[in-house]
Amino acid sequence: MGSFSKIKNLLEEKNSFLLIGHIDPDGDCLGSILALGEFLENRGKSVLLACKDRVPKVFQFLPNSNKIKSDFLVGDFDAVILLDNGDFRRTGFSDRLRPLIKKTRIINIDHHTKNDLWKIADINYVDEEASSTSEILYDLFVGIGAEITPDMATNLLAGIFNDTGGFKHPNTSTRVLQITSSLLKRGARLKKISQNLFCNHSIEMLKLWGIALDRLIVNEKYHIVSSIILQKDLIETGATENDISGLVNLINTIPNCKIALLLYETFDGRIKGSLRTESDNINIADLAKIFGGGGHKKAAGFVIKGKIIEENSKWKII
């Protein structure tokens, strides 16, 4: 873990902050940005919140999610805080941020494994054992003695809920449940979180998932279950790329599955791969690194250039 005193002093002394999450923001990324943003605003700080991609519809229920911008002007910020970014490229703003590195304090708050951000950042406040970046922020707020408002509590709990798979993943520790209890006491709205993340599936999303489930392929030898989604599937169902979120976790529930892999085409000519496992003996982050990606031991992803075609009743990447 990075120096608590250093980040505490920086948050107290600096006045203008740029908070940046990662591309394809999830609940932990968004919950972290929003909670820290409110914490700083409550102290009279100037704060700009940014994610390269817009907030997915499923997360727009989060308090103050409308404050997150998809772009920003490079200005005179006292500090730039990168939250939940697996590496510098994941910010989506690497070219924009490079001029700020030498003249602005860079803080990395994260729970991913060591990456290039460790060299870029002035302060690395990282705990690889934490369930989520939201859990790290909870400890930071408690350590500082900050008031955690109901909105902050809801955003933090949404982040924890997201990264623990609704308390189903192995990273759901006793500490996670203790923090959850504390956040509920502070006004976190668990029912609203669970309803939006698990019970808010559109017809378009379900149709898309149906197509992917119909294409499931099982590798009996290596216990790998995989599927694909094509751009034409999104067009035909009326779904969006945001509707793909959560599908790989569903595939990962198949009995005897050691690795779940979902490949899907994006509108910009790339293929995104999402990997999941519940096996303690497999590190899929290492597998994702082979394709230039990364992530956690049990949840990782990658992006490659290409297109998926069908050839002789089999799917092929070209």
C-alpha atoms as a PDB file:
ATOM      1  CA  MET A   1       0.000   0.000   0.000  1.00  0.00           C
ATOM      2  CA  GLY A   2       1.244   3.498  -0.815  1.00  0.00           C
ATOM      3  CA  SER A   3       1.896   6.137   1.795  1.00  0.00           C
ATOM      4  CA  PHE A   4      -1.323   7.109   3.567  1.00  0.00           C
ATOM      5  CA  SER A   5       0.195  10.310   4.952  1.00  0.00           C
ATOM      6  CA  LYS A   6       1.373  11.444   1.510  1.00  0.00           C
ATOM      7  CA  ILE A   7      -2.011  11.060  -0.155  1.00  0.00           C
ATOM      8  CA  LYS A   8      -3.809  12.543   2.859  1.00  0.00           C
ATOM      9  CA  ASN A   9      -1.607  15.636   2.746  1.00  0.00           C
ATOM     10  CA  LEU A  10      -2.004  15.977  -1.006  1.00  0.00           C
ATOM     11  CA  LEU A  11      -5.800  15.797  -0.824  1.00  0.00           C
ATOM     12  CA  GLU A  12      -5.769  18.456   1.900  1.00  0.00           C
ATOM     13  CA  GLU A  13      -3.217  20.823   0.348  1.00  0.00           C
ATOM     14  CA  LYS A  14      -4.131  20.800  -3.356  1.00  0.00           C
ATOM     15  CA  ASN A  15      -7.154  22.672  -4.664  1.00  0.00           C
ATOM     16  CA  SER A  16      -7.905  21.468  -8.212  1.00  0.00           C
ATOM     17  CA  PHE A  17      -8.189  17.813  -9.214  1.00  0.00           C
ATOM     18  CA  LEU A  18      -8.740  15.808 -12.378  1.00  0.00           C
ATOM     19  CA  LEU A  19     -10.164  12.344 -11.634  1.00  0.00           C
ATOM     20  CA  ILE A  20      -9.936   9.777 -14.433  1.00  0.00           C
ATOM     21  CA  GLY A  21     -11.384   6.281 -14.701  1.00  0.00           C
ATOM     22  CA  HIS A  22     -10.746   3.640 -17.333  1.00  0.00           C
ATOM     23  CA  ILE A  23     -12.265   2.955 -20.738  1.00  0.00           C
ATOM     24  CA  ASP A  24     -15.460   0.872 -20.699  1.00  0.00           C
ATOM     25  CA  PRO A  25     -16.126   2.003 -17.118  1.00  0.00           C
ATOM     26  CA  ASP A  26     -17.674  -0.516 -14.732  1.00  0.00           C
ATOM     27  CA  GLY A  27     -19.290  -0.118 -11.331  1.00  0.00           C
ATOM     28  CA  ASP A  28     -16.030   0.013  -9.384  1.00  0.00           C
ATOM     29  CA  CYS A  29     -14.493   2.590 -11.696  1.00  0.00           C
ATOM     30  CA  LEU A  30     -17.564   4.824 -11.616  1.00  0.00           C
ATOM     31  CA  GLY A  31     -18.308   4.334  -7.929  1.00  0.00           C
ATOM     32  CA  SER A  32     -14.718   5.247  -7.067  1.00  0.00           C
ATOM     33  CA  ILE A  33     -14.679   8.404  -9.171  1.00  0.00           C
ATOM     34  CA  LEU A  34     -18.028   9.607  -7.872  1.00  0.00           C
ATOM     35  CA  ALA A  35     -17.256   8.909  -4.211  1.00  0.00           C
ATOM     36  CA  LEU A  36     -13.851  10.604  -4.315  1.00  0.00           C
ATOM     37  CA  GLY A  37     -15.279  13.473  -6.352  1.00  0.00           C
ATOM     38  CA  GLU A  38     -17.945  14.169  -3.724  1.00  0.00           C
ATOM     39  CA  PHE A  39     -15.385  13.843  -0.930  1.00  0.00           C
ATOM     40  CA  LEU A  40     -13.230  16.545  -2.552  1.00  0.00           C
ATOM     41  CA  GLU A  41     -16.154  18.807  -3.465  1.00  0.00           C
ATOM     42  CA  ASN A  42     -17.375  18.693   0.126  1.00  0.00           C
ATOM     43  CA  ARG A  43     -14.002  20.181   1.068  1.00  0.00           C
ATOM     44  CA  GLY A  44     -14.387  23.060  -1.352  1.00  0.00           C
ATOM     45  CA  LYS A  45     -12.056  21.645  -3.991  1.00  0.00           C
ATOM     46  CA  SER A  46     -12.408  22.122  -7.742  1.00  0.00           C
ATOM     47  CA  VAL A  47     -12.986  18.690  -9.308  1.00  0.00           C
ATOM     48  CA  LEU A  48     -13.404  17.404 -12.853  1.00  0.00           C
ATOM     49  CA  LEU A  49     -14.497  13.794 -13.376  1.00  0.00           C
ATOM     50  CA  ALA A  50     -13.710  12.055 -16.680  1.00  0.00           C
ATOM     51  CA  CYS A  51     -14.028   8.694 -18.430  1.00  0.00           C
ATOM     52  CA  LYS A  52     -13.215   8.233 -22.104  1.00  0.00           C
ATOM     53  CA  ASP A  53     -16.410   6.239 -22.665  1.00  0.00           C
ATOM     54  CA  ARG A  54     -19.783   7.465 -21.521  1.00  0.00           C
ATOM     55  CA  VAL A  55     -21.437   6.067 -18.420  1.00  0.00           C
ATOM     56  CA  PRO A  56     -23.288   2.868 -19.452  1.00  0.00           C
ATOM     57  CA  LYS A  57     -27.045   3.024 -19.022  1.00  0.00           C
ATOM     58  CA  VAL A  58     -26.989   0.323 -16.361  1.00  0.00           C
ATOM     59  CA  PHE A  59     -24.864   2.565 -14.100  1.00  0.00           C
ATOM     60  CA  GLN A  60     -26.684   5.856 -14.677  1.00  0.00           C
ATOM     61  CA  PHE A  61     -28.642   5.325 -11.448  1.00  0.00           C
ATOM     62  CA  LEU A  62     -25.474   6.069  -9.454  1.00  0.00           C
ATOM     63  CA  PRO A  63     -25.691   9.368  -7.562  1.00  0.00           C
ATOM     64  CA  ASN A  64     -24.178  12.263  -9.555  1.00  0.00           C
ATOM     65  CA  SER A  65     -23.213  10.032 -12.516  1.00  0.00           C
ATOM     66  CA  ASN A  66     -24.210  12.910 -14.822  1.00  0.00           C
ATOM     67  CA  LYS A  67     -21.137  14.799 -13.581  1.00  0.00           C
ATOM     68  CA  ILE A  68     -18.742  12.429 -15.375  1.00  0.00           C
ATOM     69  CA  LYS A  69     -17.537  13.902 -18.668  1.00  0.00           C
ATOM     70  CA  SER A  70     -16.170  12.009 -21.669  1.00  0.00           C
ATOM     71  CA  ASP A  71     -13.637  14.724 -22.485  1.00  0.00           C
ATOM     72  CA  PHE A  72     -11.695  17.536 -20.862  1.00  0.00           C
ATOM     73  CA  LEU A  73      -9.380  20.408 -21.658  1.00  0.00           C
ATOM     74  CA  VAL A  74      -5.809  20.103 -20.452  1.00  0.00           C
ATOM     75  CA  GLY A  75      -5.645  22.770 -17.788  1.00  0.00           C
ATOM     76  CA  ASP A  76      -3.668  23.711 -14.730  1.00  0.00           C
ATOM     77  CA  PHE A  77      -4.720  20.953 -12.355  1.00  0.00           C
ATOM     78  CA  ASP A  78      -2.882  20.613  -9.077  1.00  0.00           C
ATOM     79  CA  ALA A  79      -3.181  16.838  -9.268  1.00  0.00           C
ATOM     80  CA  VAL A  80      -4.457  14.076 -11.528  1.00  0.00           C
ATOM     81  CA  ILE A  81      -5.895  11.014  -9.807  1.00  0.00           C
ATOM     82  CA  LEU A  82      -6.202   7.808 -11.824  1.00  0.00           C
ATOM     83  CA  LEU A  83      -8.736   5.390 -10.353  1.00  0.00           C
ATOM     84  CA  ASP A  84      -9.070   1.658 -11.102  1.00  0.00           C
ATOM     85  CA  ASN A  85      -6.866   1.843 -14.196  1.00  0.00           C
ATOM     86  CA  GLY A  86      -5.006  -1.393 -14.934  1.00  0.00           C
ATOM     87  CA  ASP A  87      -2.363   0.538 -16.869  1.00  0.00           C
ATOM     88  CA  PHE A  88      -1.766   3.936 -18.472  1.00  0.00           C
ATOM     89  CA  ARG A  89      -3.332   2.948 -21.790  1.00  0.00           C
ATOM     90  CA  ARG A  90      -6.570   1.992 -20.026  1.00  0.00           C
ATOM     91  CA  THR A  91      -7.210   5.644 -19.196  1.00  0.00           C
ATOM     92  CA  GLY A  92      -8.044   6.267 -22.857  1.00  0.00           C
ATOM     93  CA  PHE A  93      -6.381   9.663 -22.428  1.00  0.00           C
ATOM     94  CA  SER A  94      -2.697   8.663 -22.528  1.00  0.00           C
ATOM     95  CA  ASP A  95      -1.788  11.169 -25.271  1.00  0.00           C
ATOM     96  CA  ARG A  96      -3.680  13.946 -23.501  1.00  0.00           C
ATOM     97  CA  LEU A  97      -2.117  13.180 -20.139  1.00  0.00           C
ATOM     98  CA  ARG A  98       1.530  12.880 -21.183  1.00  0.00           C
ATOM     99  CA  PRO A  99       2.147  16.668 -21.112  1.00  0.00           C
ATOM    100  CA  LEU A 100       0.852  16.747 -17.530  1.00  0.00           C
ATOM    101  CA  ILE A 101       3.151  14.035 -16.171  1.00  0.00           C
ATOM    102  CA  LYS A 102       6.197  16.256 -15.620  1.00  0.00           C
ATOM    103  CA  LYS A 103       4.377  19.302 -14.262  1.00  0.00           C
ATOM    104  CA  THR A 104       1.443  17.803 -12.310  1.00  0.00           C
ATOM    105  CA  ARG A 105       1.240  15.395  -9.384  1.00  0.00           C
ATOM    106  CA  ILE A 106      -0.068  12.015 -10.576  1.00  0.00           C
ATOM    107  CA  ILE A 107      -1.762   9.687  -8.075  1.00  0.00           C
ATOM    108  CA  ASN A 108      -2.591   6.067  -8.840  1.00  0.00           C
ATOM    109  CA  ILE A 109      -5.354   4.518  -6.691  1.00  0.00           C
ATOM    110  CA  ASP A 110      -5.957   0.936  -7.706  1.00  0.00           C
ATOM    111  CA  HIS A 111      -6.181  -2.758  -6.850  1.00  0.00           C
ATOM    112  CA  HIS A 112      -4.659  -4.186 -10.040  1.00  0.00           C
ATOM    113  CA  THR A 113      -1.235  -5.814 -10.237  1.00  0.00           C
ATOM    114  CA  LYS A 114       1.887  -3.712 -10.787  1.00  0.00           C
ATOM    115  CA  ASN A 115       1.960  -1.980 -14.189  1.00  0.00           C
ATOM    116  CA  ASP A 116       3.406   1.015 -16.030  1.00  0.00           C
ATOM    117  CA  LEU A 117       1.404   3.455 -13.900  1.00  0.00           C
ATOM    118  CA  TRP A 118       3.716   2.686 -10.982  1.00  0.00           C
ATOM    119  CA  LYS A 119       6.547   4.480 -12.787  1.00  0.00           C
ATOM    120  CA  ILE A 120       4.380   7.358 -13.969  1.00  0.00           C
ATOM    121  CA  ALA A 121       2.646   8.131 -10.672  1.00  0.00           C
ATOM    122  CA  ASP A 122       4.156  10.189  -7.860  1.00  0.00           C
ATOM    123  CA  ILE A 123       2.040   8.280  -5.360  1.00  0.00           C
ATOM    124  CA  ASN A 124       0.843   4.691  -5.772  1.00  0.00           C
ATOM    125  CA  TYR A 125      -1.950   4.008  -3.306  1.00  0.00           C
ATOM    126  CA  VAL A 126      -2.476   0.390  -4.305  1.00  0.00           C
ATOM    127  CA  ASP A 127      -3.661  -2.752  -2.542  1.00  0.00           C
ATOM    128  CA  GLU A 128      -3.682  -5.829  -4.768  1.00  0.00           C
ATOM    129  CA  GLU A 129      -5.471  -7.814  -2.059  1.00  0.00           C
ATOM    130  CA  ALA A 130      -8.452  -5.455  -1.975  1.00  0.00           C
ATOM    131  CA  SER A 131     -11.670  -6.554  -3.655  1.00  0.00           C
ATOM    132  CA  SER A 132     -11.986  -3.247  -5.445  1.00  0.00           C
ATOM    133  CA  THR A 133     -10.754   0.317  -5.682  1.00  0.00           C
ATOM    134  CA  SER A 134     -13.914   1.286  -3.805  1.00  0.00           C
ATOM    135  CA  GLU A 135     -12.746  -0.778  -0.832  1.00  0.00           C
ATOM    136  CA  ILE A 136      -9.417   1.088  -0.852  1.00  0.00           C
ATOM    137  CA  LEU A 137     -11.223   4.435  -0.892  1.00  0.00           C
ATOM    138  CA  TYR A 138     -13.431   3.371   2.007  1.00  0.00           C
ATOM    139  CA  ASP A 139     -10.303   2.715   4.089  1.00  0.00           C
ATOM    140  CA  LEU A 140      -8.865   6.066   2.983  1.00  0.00           C
ATOM    141  CA  PHE A 141     -11.992   7.979   3.998  1.00  0.00           C
ATOM    142  CA  VAL A 142     -12.179   6.215   7.361  1.00  0.00           C
ATOM    143  CA  GLY A 143      -8.469   6.832   7.961  1.00  0.00           C
ATOM    144  CA  ILE A 144      -8.875  10.529   7.246  1.00  0.00           C
ATOM    145  CA  GLY A 145     -11.949  10.700   9.451  1.00  0.00           C
ATOM    146  CA  ALA A 146     -14.158  11.894   6.615  1.00  0.00           C
ATOM    147  CA  GLU A 147     -17.938  11.850   6.680  1.00  0.00           C
ATOM    148  CA  ILE A 148     -19.220   9.237   4.231  1.00  0.00           C
ATOM    149  CA  THR A 149     -22.537  10.575   2.963  1.00  0.00           C
ATOM    150  CA  PRO A 150     -25.376   8.302   1.772  1.00  0.00           C
ATOM    151  CA  ASP A 151     -24.465   9.074  -1.866  1.00  0.00           C
ATOM    152  CA  MET A 152     -20.795   8.298  -1.257  1.00  0.00           C
ATOM    153  CA  ALA A 153     -21.771   5.095   0.541  1.00  0.00           C
ATOM    154  CA  THR A 154     -24.018   4.045  -2.350  1.00  0.00           C
ATOM    155  CA  ASN A 155     -21.272   4.657  -4.902  1.00  0.00           C
ATOM    156  CA  LEU A 156     -18.680   2.779  -2.859  1.00  0.00           C
ATOM    157  CA  LEU A 157     -21.008  -0.148  -2.288  1.00  0.00           C
ATOM    158  CA  ALA A 158     -21.859  -0.248  -6.004  1.00  0.00           C
ATOM    159  CA  GLY A 159     -18.144  -0.582  -6.725  1.00  0.00           C
ATOM    160  CA  ILE A 160     -17.704  -3.397  -4.222  1.00  0.00           C
ATOM    161  CA  PHE A 161     -20.897  -5.106  -5.407  1.00  0.00           C
ATOM    162  CA  ASN A 162     -19.687  -4.923  -9.013  1.00  0.00           C
ATOM    163  CA  ASP A 163     -16.223  -6.351  -8.428  1.00  0.00           C
ATOM    164  CA  THR A 164     -17.393  -9.133  -6.116  1.00  0.00           C
ATOM    165  CA  GLY A 165     -20.109 -10.194  -8.565  1.00  0.00           C
ATOM    166  CA  GLY A 166     -22.810  -9.380  -6.061  1.00  0.00           C
ATOM    167  CA  PHE A 167     -20.798 -11.015  -3.253  1.00  0.00           C
ATOM    168  CA  LYS A 168     -20.437 -14.267  -5.226  1.00  0.00           C
ATOM    169  CA  HIS A 169     -16.751 -14.100  -6.203  1.00  0.00           C
ATOM    170  CA  PRO A 170     -13.953 -15.486  -4.006  1.00  0.00           C
ATOM    171  CA  ASN A 171     -12.784 -11.936  -3.228  1.00  0.00           C
ATOM    172  CA  THR A 172     -15.859 -11.555  -0.987  1.00  0.00           C
ATOM    173  CA  SER A 173     -13.922 -11.640   2.266  1.00  0.00           C
ATOM    174  CA  THR A 174     -15.175 -11.129   5.792  1.00  0.00           C
ATOM    175  CA  ARG A 175     -13.683  -7.644   5.560  1.00  0.00           C
ATOM    176  CA  VAL A 176     -15.769  -6.914   2.450  1.00  0.00           C
ATOM    177  CA  LEU A 177     -18.913  -7.873   4.350  1.00  0.00           C
ATOM    178  CA  GLN A 178     -17.874  -5.741   7.327  1.00  0.00           C
ATOM    179  CA  ILE A 179     -17.352  -2.758   5.018  1.00  0.00           C
ATOM    180  CA  THR A 180     -20.698  -3.441   3.370  1.00  0.00           C
ATOM    181  CA  SER A 181     -22.377  -3.389   6.780  1.00  0.00           C
ATOM    182  CA  SER A 182     -20.672  -0.092   7.584  1.00  0.00           C
ATOM    183  CA  LEU A 183     -21.772   1.443   4.277  1.00  0.00           C
ATOM    184  CA  LEU A 184     -25.356   0.286   4.811  1.00  0.00           C
ATOM    185  CA  LYS A 185     -25.322   2.029   8.195  1.00  0.00           C
ATOM    186  CA  ARG A 186     -24.203   5.176   6.393  1.00  0.00           C
ATOM    187  CA  GLY A 187     -27.155   5.064   3.999  1.00  0.00           C
ATOM    188  CA  ALA A 188     -25.943   2.951   1.055  1.00  0.00           C
ATOM    189  CA  ARG A 189     -28.901   1.798  -1.040  1.00  0.00           C
ATOM    190  CA  LEU A 190     -28.189  -1.905  -1.635  1.00  0.00           C
ATOM    191  CA  LYS A 191     -31.657  -2.700  -3.000  1.00  0.00           C
ATOM    192  CA  LYS A 192     -31.307  -0.023  -5.671  1.00  0.00           C
ATOM    193  CA  ILE A 193     -27.843  -1.307  -6.590  1.00  0.00           C
ATOM    194  CA  SER A 194     -28.905  -4.948  -6.903  1.00  0.00           C
ATOM    195  CA  GLN A 195     -32.067  -4.102  -8.824  1.00  0.00           C
ATOM    196  CA  ASN A 196     -30.169  -2.053 -11.394  1.00  0.00           C
ATOM    197  CA  LEU A 197     -27.213  -4.407 -11.812  1.00  0.00           C
ATOM    198  CA  PHE A 198     -29.018  -7.766 -11.690  1.00  0.00           C
ATOM    199  CA  CYS A 199     -32.687  -7.099 -12.447  1.00  0.00           C
ATOM    200  CA  ASN A 200     -32.582  -4.423 -15.122  1.00  0.00           C
ATOM    201  CA  HIS A 201     -32.193  -6.395 -18.347  1.00  0.00           C
ATOM    202  CA  SER A 202     -33.754  -4.988 -21.492  1.00  0.00           C
ATOM    203  CA  ILE A 203     -35.391  -7.135 -24.180  1.00  0.00           C
ATOM    204  CA  GLU A 204     -32.550  -6.153 -26.521  1.00  0.00           C
ATOM    205  CA  MET A 205     -29.942  -7.356 -24.020  1.00  0.00           C
ATOM    206  CA  LEU A 206     -31.700 -10.681 -23.440  1.00  0.00           C
ATOM    207  CA  LYS A 207     -32.006 -11.287 -27.195  1.00  0.00           C
ATOM    208  CA  LEU A 208     -28.277 -10.606 -27.595  1.00  0.00           C
ATOM    209  CA  TRP A 209     -27.382 -12.926 -24.724  1.00  0.00           C
ATOM    210  CA  GLY A 210     -29.604 -15.588 -26.270  1.00  0.00           C
ATOM    211  CA  ILE A 211     -27.590 -15.453 -29.499  1.00  0.00           C
ATOM    212  CA  ALA A 212     -24.301 -15.741 -27.606  1.00  0.00           C
ATOM    213  CA  LEU A 213     -25.566 -18.635 -25.472  1.00  0.00           C
ATOM    214  CA  ASP A 214     -26.726 -20.467 -28.592  1.00  0.00           C
ATOM    215  CA  ARG A 215     -23.133 -20.274 -29.896  1.00  0.00           C
ATOM    216  CA  LEU A 216     -21.479 -21.711 -26.794  1.00  0.00           C
ATOM    217  CA  ILE A 217     -18.486 -23.906 -27.512  1.00  0.00           C
ATOM    218  CA  VAL A 218     -17.103 -26.263 -24.863  1.00  0.00           C
ATOM    219  CA  ASN A 219     -13.515 -27.480 -24.943  1.00  0.00           C
ATOM    220  CA  GLU A 220     -13.782 -30.699 -22.942  1.00  0.00           C
ATOM    221  CA  LYS A 221     -10.015 -31.188 -22.747  1.00  0.00           C
ATOM    222  CA  TYR A 222      -9.188 -27.842 -21.137  1.00  0.00           C
ATOM    223  CA  HIS A 223     -12.644 -27.100 -19.678  1.00  0.00           C
ATOM    224  CA  ILE A 224     -12.902 -23.802 -21.562  1.00  0.00           C
ATOM    225  CA  VAL A 225     -16.321 -22.433 -22.480  1.00  0.00           C
ATOM    226  CA  SER A 226     -16.418 -19.700 -25.103  1.00  0.00           C
ATOM    227  CA  SER A 227     -18.760 -17.710 -27.293  1.00  0.00           C
ATOM    228  CA  ILE A 228     -18.756 -14.757 -29.671  1.00  0.00           C
ATOM    229  CA  ILE A 229     -20.819 -11.701 -30.476  1.00  0.00           C
ATOM    230  CA  LEU A 230     -20.703 -10.060 -33.911  1.00  0.00           C
ATOM    231  CA  GLN A 231     -21.505  -6.494 -34.828  1.00  0.00           C
ATOM    232  CA  LYS A 232     -24.465  -7.733 -36.857  1.00  0.00           C
ATOM    233  CA  ASP A 233     -25.880  -9.253 -33.673  1.00  0.00           C
ATOM    234  CA  LEU A 234     -25.980  -5.823 -32.057  1.00  0.00           C
ATOM    235  CA  ILE A 235     -27.636  -4.331 -35.121  1.00  0.00           C
ATOM    236  CA  GLU A 236     -30.242  -7.087 -35.443  1.00  0.00           C
ATOM    237  CA  THR A 237     -31.217  -7.044 -31.754  1.00  0.00           C
ATOM    238  CA  GLY A 238     -30.961  -3.300 -31.251  1.00  0.00           C
ATOM    239  CA  ALA A 239     -28.581  -3.883 -28.345  1.00  0.00           C
ATOM    240  CA  THR A 240     -25.468  -1.858 -27.552  1.00  0.00           C
ATOM    241  CA  GLU A 241     -21.976  -2.834 -26.456  1.00  0.00           C
ATOM    242  CA  ASN A 242     -22.973  -1.909 -22.917  1.00  0.00           C
ATOM    243  CA  ASP A 243     -25.496  -4.768 -23.011  1.00  0.00           C
ATOM    244  CA  ILE A 244     -22.611  -7.247 -23.301  1.00  0.00           C
ATOM    245  CA  SER A 245     -21.485  -6.462 -19.754  1.00  0.00           C
ATOM    246  CA  GLY A 246     -22.127  -9.359 -17.402  1.00  0.00           C
ATOM    247  CA  LEU A 247     -22.508 -12.017 -20.097  1.00  0.00           C
ATOM    248  CA  VAL A 248     -19.076 -13.548 -19.534  1.00  0.00           C
ATOM    249  CA  ASN A 249     -19.918 -13.929 -15.836  1.00  0.00           C
ATOM    250  CA  LEU A 250     -23.027 -15.891 -16.784  1.00  0.00           C
ATOM    251  CA  ILE A 251     -20.985 -18.162 -19.055  1.00  0.00           C
ATOM    252  CA  ASN A 252     -18.570 -18.691 -16.187  1.00  0.00           C
ATOM    253  CA  THR A 253     -21.322 -20.345 -14.107  1.00  0.00           C
ATOM    254  CA  ILE A 254     -21.415 -23.457 -16.320  1.00  0.00           C
ATOM    255  CA  PRO A 255     -20.473 -26.566 -14.250  1.00  0.00           C
ATOM    256  CA  ASN A 256     -16.931 -27.883 -14.773  1.00  0.00           C
ATOM    257  CA  CYS A 257     -15.972 -24.671 -16.565  1.00  0.00           C
ATOM    258  CA  LYS A 258     -12.438 -23.598 -15.625  1.00  0.00           C
ATOM    259  CA  ILE A 259     -12.179 -20.654 -18.020  1.00  0.00           C
ATOM    260  CA  ALA A 260     -14.909 -18.595 -19.675  1.00  0.00           C
ATOM    261  CA  LEU A 261     -14.029 -16.577 -22.789  1.00  0.00           C
ATOM    262  CA  LEU A 262     -16.238 -14.115 -24.634  1.00  0.00           C
ATOM    263  CA  LEU A 263     -15.068 -12.473 -27.864  1.00  0.00           C
ATOM    264  CA  TYR A 264     -17.017  -9.620 -29.398  1.00  0.00           C
ATOM    265  CA  GLU A 265     -16.530  -7.279 -32.315  1.00  0.00           C
ATOM    266  CA  THR A 266     -16.537  -3.536 -31.749  1.00  0.00           C
ATOM    267  CA  PHE A 267     -17.675  -0.842 -34.151  1.00  0.00           C
ATOM    268  CA  ASP A 268     -14.096   0.384 -34.635  1.00  0.00           C
ATOM    269  CA  GLY A 269     -12.741  -2.836 -36.138  1.00  0.00           C
ATOM    270  CA  ARG A 270     -11.388  -4.482 -33.007  1.00  0.00           C
ATOM    271  CA  ILE A 271     -12.173  -7.611 -31.051  1.00  0.00           C
ATOM    272  CA  LYS A 272     -12.491  -7.477 -27.286  1.00  0.00           C
ATOM    273  CA  GLY A 273     -11.892 -10.554 -25.189  1.00  0.00           C
ATOM    274  CA  SER A 274     -13.260 -11.020 -21.673  1.00  0.00           C
ATOM    275  CA  LEU A 275     -11.908 -13.832 -19.483  1.00  0.00           C
ATOM    276  CA  ARG A 276     -13.217 -15.200 -16.192  1.00  0.00           C
ATOM    277  CA  THR A 277     -12.383 -18.107 -13.917  1.00  0.00           C
ATOM    278  CA  GLU A 278     -13.281 -19.319 -10.448  1.00  0.00           C
ATOM    279  CA  SER A 279     -10.293 -21.668 -10.264  1.00  0.00           C
ATOM    280  CA  ASP A 280      -7.626 -20.887  -7.675  1.00  0.00           C
ATOM    281  CA  ASN A 281      -5.020 -22.633  -9.841  1.00  0.00           C
ATOM    282  CA  ILE A 282      -5.452 -20.446 -12.925  1.00  0.00           C
ATOM    283  CA  ASN A 283      -4.242 -16.872 -13.452  1.00  0.00           C
ATOM    284  CA  ILE A 284      -6.083 -15.588 -16.496  1.00  0.00           C
ATOM    285  CA  ALA A 285      -4.317 -12.222 -16.248  1.00  0.00           C
ATOM    286  CA  ASP A 286      -1.231 -14.034 -17.545  1.00  0.00           C
ATOM    287  CA  LEU A 287      -3.297 -15.381 -20.429  1.00  0.00           C
ATOM    288  CA  ALA A 288      -4.634 -11.914 -21.248  1.00  0.00           C
ATOM    289  CA  LYS A 289      -1.080 -10.509 -21.277  1.00  0.00           C
ATOM    290  CA  ILE A 290      -0.231 -12.774 -24.212  1.00  0.00           C
ATOM    291  CA  PHE A 291      -2.672 -10.692 -26.254  1.00  0.00           C
ATOM    292  CA  GLY A 292      -1.534  -7.354 -24.829  1.00  0.00           C
ATOM    293  CA  GLY A 293      -4.181  -7.194 -22.120  1.00  0.00           C
ATOM    294  CA  GLY A 294      -4.263  -7.699 -18.387  1.00  0.00           C
ATOM    295  CA  GLY A 295      -6.417  -7.603 -15.307  1.00  0.00           C
ATOM    296  CA  HIS A 296      -6.821  -9.713 -12.220  1.00  0.00           C
ATOM    297  CA  LYS A 297      -6.092 -13.356 -11.526  1.00  0.00           C
ATOM    298  CA  LYS A 298      -9.739 -14.293 -12.017  1.00  0.00           C
ATOM    299  CA  ALA A 299     -11.025 -11.498 -14.262  1.00  0.00           C
ATOM    300  CA  ALA A 300      -9.089 -10.133 -17.220  1.00  0.00           C
ATOM    301  CA  GLY A 301      -9.425  -8.908 -20.775  1.00  0.00           C
ATOM    302  CA  PHE A 302      -7.653  -7.862 -23.947  1.00  0.00           C
ATOM    303  CA  VAL A 303      -8.226  -6.052 -27.238  1.00  0.00           C
ATOM    304  CA  ILE A 304      -6.888  -7.082 -30.653  1.00  0.00           C
ATOM    305  CA  LYS A 305      -7.423  -5.855 -34.179  1.00  0.00           C
ATOM    306  CA  GLY A 306      -9.446  -8.139 -36.387  1.00  0.00           C
ATOM    307  CA  LYS A 307     -12.792  -9.484 -37.502  1.00  0.00           C
ATOM    308  CA  ILE A 308     -14.684 -12.685 -36.740  1.00  0.00           C
ATOM    309  CA  ILE A 309     -15.898 -14.730 -39.719  1.00  0.00           C
ATOM    310  CA  GLU A 310     -17.559 -18.102 -40.124  1.00  0.00           C
ATOM    311  CA  GLU A 311     -15.678 -20.642 -42.205  1.00  0.00           C
ATOM    312  CA  ASN A 312     -16.702 -24.301 -42.636  1.00  0.00           C
ATOM    313  CA  SER A 313     -19.142 -24.016 -39.724  1.00  0.00           C
ATOM    314  CA  LYS A 314     -16.344 -22.713 -37.477  1.00  0.00           C
ATOM    315  CA  TRP A 315     -15.525 -19.233 -36.249  1.00  0.00           C
ATOM    316  CA  LYS A 316     -12.229 -17.696 -37.299  1.00  0.00           C
ATOM    317  CA  ILE A 317     -10.440 -14.407 -36.544  1.00  0.00           C
ATOM    318  CA  ILE A 318      -8.860 -12.586 -39.484  1.00  0.00           C
END
